[in-house]
Amino acid sequence: MSSPEFKFSDAALQEYRDILGHYPTRQAALLPTLWIAQREFGWLPDAVQDYVASLMELPPAHVRAVVSFYTMFHRKPVGRFLLDVCTNLSCRLRGADQIVDCLSRKLGVRLGETTPDGKFTLASVECLASCGTAPMLQLNQAEFYENLTEASTLKLIDELASRDV
């Protein structure tokens, strides 16, 4: 069985070319290029990492090392709604564990898992720099939901679950 071939869309390829102009070397442009790849393909399987390595003329091992170092890059598919719950000290002291437990019960998954319908992925992350509004979670690596309670967390999940695909 051969692996699927991955290539950037024309728009993503142009974005990649534009990014190269902002960095002194190709290697220096790796992180933003990986962001493009993740946005384009949803995650970074080995085949995508190989494509990025080839495109950037970098050793595949270097790309894999970077992808495996940063938790923001997904090496397996994630749900439509990625719930990154901060579990660092401030959030933990203010109830992050209860929020994780609440989400786990509601969604029927543990940390690092995706719901069978592919809608939600529950993850734990280190500090998201919102200690004063802990506990909190980040949705899809973009929106912050702060001062969470079990009630507000359940309301958020219900709202997200009702969104059209």
N, C-alpha and C. Protein backbone atom coordinates (compact mmCIF):
# COMPACT_ATOMS: atom_id res chain seq x y z
N MET A 1 0.84 -1.17 0.00
CA MET A 1 0.00 0.00 0.00
C MET A 1 0.89 1.24 0.00
N SER A 2 0.72 2.10 -0.96
CA SER A 2 1.55 3.30 -1.02
C SER A 2 0.91 4.42 -0.22
N SER A 3 1.75 5.30 0.31
CA SER A 3 1.22 6.42 1.08
C SER A 3 0.73 7.50 0.13
N PRO A 4 -0.27 8.28 0.57
CA PRO A 4 -0.79 9.34 -0.30
C PRO A 4 0.27 10.40 -0.56
N GLU A 5 0.17 11.02 -1.71
CA GLU A 5 1.11 12.08 -2.04
C GLU A 5 0.55 13.41 -1.55
N PHE A 6 1.37 14.17 -0.87
CA PHE A 6 0.95 15.45 -0.33
C PHE A 6 1.67 16.55 -1.08
N LYS A 7 0.91 17.57 -1.46
CA LYS A 7 1.49 18.76 -2.08
C LYS A 7 0.66 19.96 -1.64
N PHE A 8 1.33 21.08 -1.44
CA PHE A 8 0.64 22.30 -1.09
C PHE A 8 -0.28 22.74 -2.23
N SER A 9 -1.39 23.35 -1.87
CA SER A 9 -2.23 24.01 -2.86
C SER A 9 -1.42 25.18 -3.44
N ASP A 10 -1.89 25.73 -4.52
CA ASP A 10 -1.19 26.88 -5.12
C ASP A 10 -1.09 28.03 -4.12
N ALA A 11 -2.17 28.28 -3.37
CA ALA A 11 -2.16 29.38 -2.40
C ALA A 11 -1.16 29.11 -1.27
N ALA A 12 -1.12 27.89 -0.77
CA ALA A 12 -0.17 27.55 0.30
C ALA A 12 1.26 27.61 -0.21
N LEU A 13 1.48 27.16 -1.44
CA LEU A 13 2.82 27.22 -2.01
C LEU A 13 3.28 28.67 -2.16
N GLN A 14 2.39 29.56 -2.55
CA GLN A 14 2.74 30.97 -2.66
C GLN A 14 3.04 31.56 -1.28
N GLU A 15 2.24 31.17 -0.28
CA GLU A 15 2.50 31.63 1.09
C GLU A 15 3.87 31.17 1.55
N TYR A 16 4.20 29.91 1.25
CA TYR A 16 5.52 29.38 1.60
C TYR A 16 6.63 30.21 0.93
N ARG A 17 6.48 30.50 -0.33
CA ARG A 17 7.49 31.28 -1.05
C ARG A 17 7.64 32.68 -0.44
N ASP A 18 6.50 33.27 -0.07
CA ASP A 18 6.55 34.59 0.56
C ASP A 18 7.29 34.53 1.90
N ILE A 19 7.04 33.48 2.66
CA ILE A 19 7.70 33.32 3.96
C ILE A 19 9.20 33.20 3.80
N LEU A 20 9.64 32.47 2.79
CA LEU A 20 11.09 32.31 2.59
C LEU A 20 11.81 33.66 2.50
N GLY A 21 11.15 34.65 1.96
CA GLY A 21 11.76 35.98 1.82
C GLY A 21 11.97 36.71 3.13
N HIS A 22 11.37 36.20 4.20
CA HIS A 22 11.49 36.85 5.50
C HIS A 22 12.57 36.23 6.39
N TYR A 23 13.23 35.19 5.90
CA TYR A 23 14.21 34.47 6.71
C TYR A 23 15.53 34.36 5.97
N PRO A 24 16.64 34.33 6.72
CA PRO A 24 17.95 34.29 6.08
C PRO A 24 18.28 32.94 5.44
N THR A 25 17.68 31.86 5.96
CA THR A 25 17.92 30.53 5.40
C THR A 25 16.60 29.76 5.33
N ARG A 26 16.59 28.72 4.53
CA ARG A 26 15.40 27.86 4.47
C ARG A 26 15.11 27.24 5.83
N GLN A 27 16.15 26.78 6.49
CA GLN A 27 15.97 26.12 7.78
C GLN A 27 15.28 27.06 8.77
N ALA A 28 15.60 28.33 8.73
CA ALA A 28 14.99 29.29 9.65
C ALA A 28 13.50 29.44 9.40
N ALA A 29 13.04 29.09 8.21
CA ALA A 29 11.63 29.21 7.86
C ALA A 29 10.84 27.93 8.14
N LEU A 30 11.46 26.97 8.81
CA LEU A 30 10.80 25.68 9.00
C LEU A 30 9.53 25.78 9.84
N LEU A 31 9.55 26.47 10.98
CA LEU A 31 8.35 26.53 11.82
C LEU A 31 7.14 27.11 11.09
N PRO A 32 7.27 28.27 10.44
CA PRO A 32 6.09 28.77 9.73
C PRO A 32 5.67 27.86 8.57
N THR A 33 6.60 27.17 7.98
CA THR A 33 6.25 26.25 6.90
C THR A 33 5.48 25.05 7.46
N LEU A 34 5.87 24.58 8.62
CA LEU A 34 5.13 23.50 9.25
C LEU A 34 3.72 23.95 9.64
N TRP A 35 3.57 25.19 10.05
CA TRP A 35 2.22 25.72 10.34
C TRP A 35 1.36 25.69 9.08
N ILE A 36 1.94 26.09 7.97
CA ILE A 36 1.20 26.04 6.70
C ILE A 36 0.79 24.61 6.40
N ALA A 37 1.73 23.69 6.55
CA ALA A 37 1.45 22.28 6.26
C ALA A 37 0.35 21.74 7.16
N GLN A 38 0.42 22.07 8.43
CA GLN A 38 -0.60 21.57 9.35
C GLN A 38 -1.97 22.16 9.03
N ARG A 39 -2.00 23.43 8.70
CA ARG A 39 -3.27 24.06 8.30
C ARG A 39 -3.80 23.44 7.02
N GLU A 40 -2.91 23.16 6.09
CA GLU A 40 -3.29 22.61 4.79
C GLU A 40 -3.79 21.16 4.89
N PHE A 41 -3.13 20.35 5.70
CA PHE A 41 -3.42 18.91 5.73
C PHE A 41 -4.09 18.45 7.03
N GLY A 42 -4.16 19.32 8.04
CA GLY A 42 -4.82 18.98 9.29
C GLY A 42 -3.91 18.36 10.33
N TRP A 43 -2.85 17.75 9.89
CA TRP A 43 -1.86 17.14 10.79
C TRP A 43 -0.61 16.88 9.99
N LEU A 44 0.43 16.35 10.65
CA LEU A 44 1.73 16.19 10.00
C LEU A 44 2.20 14.74 10.03
N PRO A 45 1.58 13.88 9.22
CA PRO A 45 2.08 12.50 9.15
C PRO A 45 3.47 12.50 8.51
N ASP A 46 4.14 11.35 8.58
CA ASP A 46 5.49 11.25 8.03
C ASP A 46 5.56 11.72 6.58
N ALA A 47 4.56 11.38 5.79
CA ALA A 47 4.57 11.75 4.37
C ALA A 47 4.57 13.27 4.19
N VAL A 48 3.84 13.99 5.04
CA VAL A 48 3.84 15.45 4.97
C VAL A 48 5.19 15.99 5.43
N GLN A 49 5.74 15.40 6.47
CA GLN A 49 7.06 15.83 6.93
C GLN A 49 8.11 15.61 5.84
N ASP A 50 8.01 14.50 5.13
CA ASP A 50 8.93 14.24 4.02
C ASP A 50 8.75 15.27 2.91
N TYR A 51 7.49 15.62 2.63
CA TYR A 51 7.21 16.63 1.61
C TYR A 51 7.85 17.96 2.00
N VAL A 52 7.65 18.38 3.25
CA VAL A 52 8.23 19.64 3.73
C VAL A 52 9.76 19.58 3.65
N ALA A 53 10.34 18.47 4.05
CA ALA A 53 11.80 18.32 3.99
C ALA A 53 12.29 18.46 2.55
N SER A 54 11.61 17.82 1.63
CA SER A 54 12.00 17.90 0.22
C SER A 54 11.84 19.32 -0.31
N LEU A 55 10.72 19.92 -0.01
CA LEU A 55 10.44 21.28 -0.46
C LEU A 55 11.49 22.26 0.05
N MET A 56 11.89 22.07 1.30
CA MET A 56 12.82 23.01 1.93
C MET A 56 14.28 22.60 1.78
N GLU A 57 14.51 21.44 1.14
CA GLU A 57 15.86 20.92 0.97
C GLU A 57 16.56 20.74 2.32
N LEU A 58 15.82 20.11 3.24
CA LEU A 58 16.33 19.81 4.58
C LEU A 58 16.30 18.30 4.79
N PRO A 59 17.14 17.79 5.66
CA PRO A 59 17.08 16.35 5.95
C PRO A 59 15.74 16.01 6.64
N PRO A 60 15.09 14.94 6.22
CA PRO A 60 13.83 14.54 6.86
C PRO A 60 13.99 14.37 8.38
N ALA A 61 15.15 13.92 8.83
CA ALA A 61 15.36 13.74 10.26
C ALA A 61 15.29 15.08 11.00
N HIS A 62 15.74 16.14 10.38
CA HIS A 62 15.66 17.45 11.02
C HIS A 62 14.21 17.89 11.16
N VAL A 63 13.42 17.70 10.11
CA VAL A 63 12.01 18.07 10.16
C VAL A 63 11.30 17.25 11.24
N ARG A 64 11.55 15.94 11.27
CA ARG A 64 10.93 15.08 12.29
C ARG A 64 11.32 15.51 13.70
N ALA A 65 12.57 15.89 13.89
CA ALA A 65 13.01 16.33 15.21
C ALA A 65 12.26 17.58 15.66
N VAL A 66 12.05 18.50 14.75
CA VAL A 66 11.32 19.73 15.08
C VAL A 66 9.86 19.41 15.38
N VAL A 67 9.23 18.61 14.53
CA VAL A 67 7.82 18.26 14.73
C VAL A 67 7.63 17.53 16.05
N SER A 68 8.54 16.64 16.38
CA SER A 68 8.37 15.87 17.62
C SER A 68 8.70 16.70 18.86
N PHE A 69 9.47 17.76 18.72
CA PHE A 69 9.82 18.60 19.85
C PHE A 69 8.66 19.50 20.27
N TYR A 70 7.96 20.08 19.31
CA TYR A 70 6.91 21.05 19.59
C TYR A 70 5.55 20.36 19.69
N THR A 71 4.89 20.53 20.83
CA THR A 71 3.58 19.90 21.03
C THR A 71 2.49 20.54 20.18
N MET A 72 2.74 21.69 19.61
CA MET A 72 1.72 22.37 18.79
C MET A 72 1.55 21.69 17.43
N PHE A 73 2.48 20.82 17.07
CA PHE A 73 2.36 20.10 15.81
C PHE A 73 1.76 18.73 16.06
N HIS A 74 0.80 18.37 15.24
CA HIS A 74 0.05 17.13 15.43
C HIS A 74 0.61 16.01 14.55
N ARG A 75 1.03 14.94 15.21
CA ARG A 75 1.57 13.79 14.48
C ARG A 75 0.51 12.72 14.26
N LYS A 76 -0.70 12.99 14.72
CA LYS A 76 -1.84 12.12 14.42
C LYS A 76 -3.04 13.03 14.23
N PRO A 77 -4.06 12.55 13.55
CA PRO A 77 -5.22 13.42 13.28
C PRO A 77 -5.87 13.90 14.59
N VAL A 78 -6.39 15.11 14.55
CA VAL A 78 -7.13 15.65 15.68
C VAL A 78 -8.55 15.96 15.24
N GLY A 79 -9.42 16.12 16.21
CA GLY A 79 -10.81 16.41 15.92
C GLY A 79 -11.00 17.82 15.39
N ARG A 80 -12.23 18.07 14.96
CA ARG A 80 -12.57 19.40 14.46
C ARG A 80 -12.33 20.45 15.55
N PHE A 81 -12.62 20.06 16.79
CA PHE A 81 -12.42 20.96 17.92
C PHE A 81 -11.32 20.39 18.82
N LEU A 82 -10.17 21.04 18.80
CA LEU A 82 -9.04 20.64 19.64
C LEU A 82 -9.12 21.43 20.93
N LEU A 83 -9.31 20.71 22.04
CA LEU A 83 -9.43 21.33 23.35
C LEU A 83 -8.12 21.15 24.11
N ASP A 84 -7.30 22.19 24.16
CA ASP A 84 -6.03 22.16 24.87
C ASP A 84 -6.25 22.76 26.26
N VAL A 85 -6.31 21.91 27.27
CA VAL A 85 -6.52 22.38 28.64
C VAL A 85 -5.17 22.62 29.29
N CYS A 86 -4.98 23.82 29.80
CA CYS A 86 -3.73 24.13 30.49
C CYS A 86 -3.73 23.39 31.82
N THR A 87 -2.67 22.62 32.05
CA THR A 87 -2.56 21.87 33.30
C THR A 87 -1.28 22.24 34.05
N ASN A 88 -0.76 23.43 33.78
CA ASN A 88 0.39 23.90 34.51
C ASN A 88 -0.03 24.29 35.92
N LEU A 89 0.90 24.66 36.75
CA LEU A 89 0.66 24.84 38.18
C LEU A 89 -0.52 25.77 38.50
N SER A 90 -0.53 26.98 37.95
CA SER A 90 -1.60 27.93 38.29
C SER A 90 -2.97 27.38 37.92
N CYS A 91 -3.08 26.81 36.73
CA CYS A 91 -4.36 26.25 36.32
C CYS A 91 -4.73 25.04 37.18
N ARG A 92 -3.75 24.23 37.48
CA ARG A 92 -3.99 23.03 38.30
C ARG A 92 -4.48 23.43 39.69
N LEU A 93 -3.86 24.44 40.29
CA LEU A 93 -4.26 24.89 41.61
C LEU A 93 -5.67 25.47 41.61
N ARG A 94 -6.12 25.96 40.45
CA ARG A 94 -7.44 26.58 40.37
C ARG A 94 -8.47 25.69 39.70
N GLY A 95 -8.17 24.39 39.55
CA GLY A 95 -9.20 23.46 39.12
C GLY A 95 -9.05 22.83 37.75
N ALA A 96 -7.90 22.90 37.14
CA ALA A 96 -7.73 22.31 35.81
C ALA A 96 -8.01 20.82 35.78
N ASP A 97 -7.62 20.11 36.83
CA ASP A 97 -7.87 18.67 36.86
C ASP A 97 -9.37 18.36 36.82
N GLN A 98 -10.16 19.18 37.51
CA GLN A 98 -11.61 18.99 37.49
C GLN A 98 -12.18 19.28 36.10
N ILE A 99 -11.60 20.25 35.41
CA ILE A 99 -12.05 20.58 34.05
C ILE A 99 -11.71 19.42 33.11
N VAL A 100 -10.51 18.88 33.24
CA VAL A 100 -10.12 17.72 32.42
C VAL A 100 -11.06 16.55 32.70
N ASP A 101 -11.32 16.27 33.97
CA ASP A 101 -12.23 15.17 34.33
C ASP A 101 -13.62 15.40 33.76
N CYS A 102 -14.12 16.62 33.86
CA CYS A 102 -15.43 16.97 33.33
C CYS A 102 -15.50 16.73 31.82
N LEU A 103 -14.48 17.21 31.11
CA LEU A 103 -14.43 17.01 29.66
C LEU A 103 -14.32 15.54 29.31
N SER A 104 -13.50 14.83 30.04
CA SER A 104 -13.32 13.40 29.78
C SER A 104 -14.63 12.64 29.95
N ARG A 105 -15.36 12.95 31.02
CA ARG A 105 -16.67 12.30 31.23
C ARG A 105 -17.66 12.67 30.14
N LYS A 106 -17.74 13.95 29.81
CA LYS A 106 -18.71 14.43 28.82
C LYS A 106 -18.43 13.85 27.44
N LEU A 107 -17.17 13.81 27.06
CA LEU A 107 -16.80 13.38 25.70
C LEU A 107 -16.54 11.88 25.60
N GLY A 108 -16.32 11.23 26.73
CA GLY A 108 -16.04 9.79 26.71
C GLY A 108 -14.65 9.46 26.19
N VAL A 109 -13.71 10.38 26.37
CA VAL A 109 -12.32 10.16 25.94
C VAL A 109 -11.38 10.58 27.06
N ARG A 110 -10.17 10.09 26.98
CA ARG A 110 -9.11 10.51 27.90
C ARG A 110 -8.21 11.51 27.19
N LEU A 111 -7.30 12.10 27.95
CA LEU A 111 -6.33 13.02 27.35
C LEU A 111 -5.61 12.35 26.19
N GLY A 112 -5.47 13.09 25.10
CA GLY A 112 -4.78 12.57 23.93
C GLY A 112 -5.67 11.79 22.98
N GLU A 113 -6.96 11.67 23.31
CA GLU A 113 -7.87 10.90 22.47
C GLU A 113 -8.86 11.81 21.75
N THR A 114 -9.41 11.25 20.68
CA THR A 114 -10.41 11.93 19.87
C THR A 114 -11.71 11.15 19.94
N THR A 115 -12.82 11.87 19.99
CA THR A 115 -14.12 11.21 20.03
C THR A 115 -14.33 10.39 18.76
N PRO A 116 -15.09 9.30 18.84
CA PRO A 116 -15.29 8.44 17.67
C PRO A 116 -15.85 9.17 16.45
N ASP A 117 -16.63 10.24 16.67
CA ASP A 117 -17.18 10.99 15.54
C ASP A 117 -16.18 11.98 14.95
N GLY A 118 -14.98 12.06 15.55
CA GLY A 118 -13.93 12.95 15.03
C GLY A 118 -14.17 14.41 15.34
N LYS A 119 -15.10 14.70 16.22
CA LYS A 119 -15.44 16.10 16.49
C LYS A 119 -14.52 16.75 17.52
N PHE A 120 -14.15 16.03 18.58
CA PHE A 120 -13.37 16.61 19.67
C PHE A 120 -12.10 15.81 19.95
N THR A 121 -11.01 16.54 20.21
CA THR A 121 -9.78 15.95 20.73
C THR A 121 -9.48 16.66 22.04
N LEU A 122 -9.23 15.89 23.09
CA LEU A 122 -8.91 16.43 24.41
C LEU A 122 -7.42 16.31 24.63
N ALA A 123 -6.78 17.43 24.94
CA ALA A 123 -5.33 17.43 25.14
C ALA A 123 -4.98 18.29 26.35
N SER A 124 -3.82 18.01 26.90
CA SER A 124 -3.27 18.78 28.00
C SER A 124 -2.05 19.53 27.48
N VAL A 125 -1.92 20.78 27.86
CA VAL A 125 -0.77 21.57 27.44
C VAL A 125 -0.18 22.28 28.65
N GLU A 126 1.05 22.67 28.50
CA GLU A 126 1.69 23.46 29.55
C GLU A 126 1.25 24.92 29.39
N CYS A 127 1.79 25.76 30.17
CA CYS A 127 1.34 27.14 30.34
C CYS A 127 0.94 27.84 29.05
N LEU A 128 -0.25 28.41 29.07
CA LEU A 128 -0.75 29.21 27.96
C LEU A 128 -0.79 30.70 28.34
N ALA A 129 -0.09 31.05 29.41
CA ALA A 129 0.10 32.44 29.84
C ALA A 129 -1.21 33.14 30.17
N SER A 130 -2.10 32.40 30.82
CA SER A 130 -3.35 32.99 31.27
C SER A 130 -3.59 32.65 32.74
N CYS A 131 -2.52 32.72 33.50
CA CYS A 131 -2.54 32.27 34.90
C CYS A 131 -3.56 33.03 35.74
N GLY A 132 -3.77 34.29 35.47
CA GLY A 132 -4.71 35.09 36.25
C GLY A 132 -6.16 34.75 35.98
N THR A 133 -6.41 33.99 34.92
CA THR A 133 -7.79 33.62 34.57
C THR A 133 -7.95 32.10 34.51
N ALA A 134 -7.15 31.42 35.32
CA ALA A 134 -7.19 29.96 35.37
C ALA A 134 -8.45 29.50 36.09
N PRO A 135 -8.90 28.28 35.80
CA PRO A 135 -8.41 27.37 34.76
C PRO A 135 -8.92 27.80 33.39
N MET A 136 -8.20 27.36 32.38
CA MET A 136 -8.55 27.79 31.02
C MET A 136 -8.21 26.71 30.01
N LEU A 137 -8.80 26.89 28.83
CA LEU A 137 -8.45 26.02 27.70
C LEU A 137 -8.36 26.86 26.45
N GLN A 138 -7.64 26.34 25.49
CA GLN A 138 -7.50 26.98 24.19
C GLN A 138 -8.19 26.09 23.17
N LEU A 139 -9.05 26.69 22.36
CA LEU A 139 -9.79 25.96 21.34
C LEU A 139 -9.10 26.15 20.00
N ASN A 140 -8.75 25.03 19.37
CA ASN A 140 -8.14 25.03 18.04
C ASN A 140 -6.92 25.95 17.93
N GLN A 141 -6.14 25.98 18.99
CA GLN A 141 -4.91 26.77 19.03
C GLN A 141 -5.16 28.24 18.71
N ALA A 142 -6.37 28.73 19.06
CA ALA A 142 -6.70 30.11 18.75
C ALA A 142 -7.44 30.79 19.90
N GLU A 143 -8.66 30.38 20.17
CA GLU A 143 -9.51 31.06 21.14
C GLU A 143 -9.26 30.57 22.56
N PHE A 144 -9.21 31.52 23.51
CA PHE A 144 -9.07 31.19 24.93
C PHE A 144 -10.44 31.19 25.60
N TYR A 145 -10.67 30.23 26.46
CA TYR A 145 -11.85 30.18 27.33
C TYR A 145 -11.31 30.12 28.75
N GLU A 146 -11.60 31.17 29.51
CA GLU A 146 -10.95 31.36 30.79
C GLU A 146 -11.95 31.32 31.95
N ASN A 147 -11.40 31.25 33.16
CA ASN A 147 -12.21 31.18 34.39
C ASN A 147 -13.25 30.07 34.28
N LEU A 148 -12.81 28.93 33.78
CA LEU A 148 -13.74 27.82 33.55
C LEU A 148 -14.27 27.22 34.84
N THR A 149 -15.52 26.82 34.77
CA THR A 149 -16.14 26.00 35.79
C THR A 149 -16.65 24.76 35.07
N GLU A 150 -17.09 23.76 35.82
CA GLU A 150 -17.66 22.60 35.15
C GLU A 150 -18.87 23.01 34.33
N ALA A 151 -19.70 23.90 34.87
CA ALA A 151 -20.91 24.34 34.15
C ALA A 151 -20.56 25.08 32.86
N SER A 152 -19.59 26.00 32.91
CA SER A 152 -19.24 26.75 31.70
C SER A 152 -18.56 25.85 30.68
N THR A 153 -17.83 24.86 31.16
CA THR A 153 -17.16 23.91 30.26
C THR A 153 -18.20 23.04 29.54
N LEU A 154 -19.18 22.55 30.27
CA LEU A 154 -20.24 21.73 29.66
C LEU A 154 -21.04 22.56 28.65
N LYS A 155 -21.29 23.81 28.98
CA LYS A 155 -22.01 24.71 28.06
C LYS A 155 -21.22 24.90 26.77
N LEU A 156 -19.90 25.11 26.91
CA LEU A 156 -19.05 25.26 25.73
C LEU A 156 -19.11 24.02 24.84
N ILE A 157 -19.02 22.84 25.45
CA ILE A 157 -19.05 21.60 24.65
C ILE A 157 -20.39 21.46 23.94
N ASP A 158 -21.47 21.77 24.63
CA ASP A 158 -22.79 21.69 24.00
C ASP A 158 -22.90 22.65 22.82
N GLU A 159 -22.37 23.86 22.98
CA GLU A 159 -22.39 24.85 21.89
C GLU A 159 -21.56 24.37 20.70
N LEU A 160 -20.38 23.84 20.97
CA LEU A 160 -19.52 23.36 19.88
C LEU A 160 -20.17 22.15 19.19
N ALA A 161 -20.75 21.25 19.97
CA ALA A 161 -21.35 20.04 19.40
C ALA A 161 -22.53 20.38 18.50
N SER A 162 -23.18 21.51 18.75
CA SER A 162 -24.36 21.87 17.94
C SER A 162 -23.99 22.60 16.65
N ARG A 163 -22.73 22.97 16.49
CA ARG A 163 -22.31 23.66 15.27
C ARG A 163 -22.38 22.71 14.08
N ASP A 164 -22.78 23.26 12.95
CA ASP A 164 -22.80 22.46 11.71
C ASP A 164 -21.39 22.13 11.29
N VAL A 165 -21.27 21.00 10.66
CA VAL A 165 -19.95 20.56 10.20
C VAL A 165 -19.53 21.32 8.98
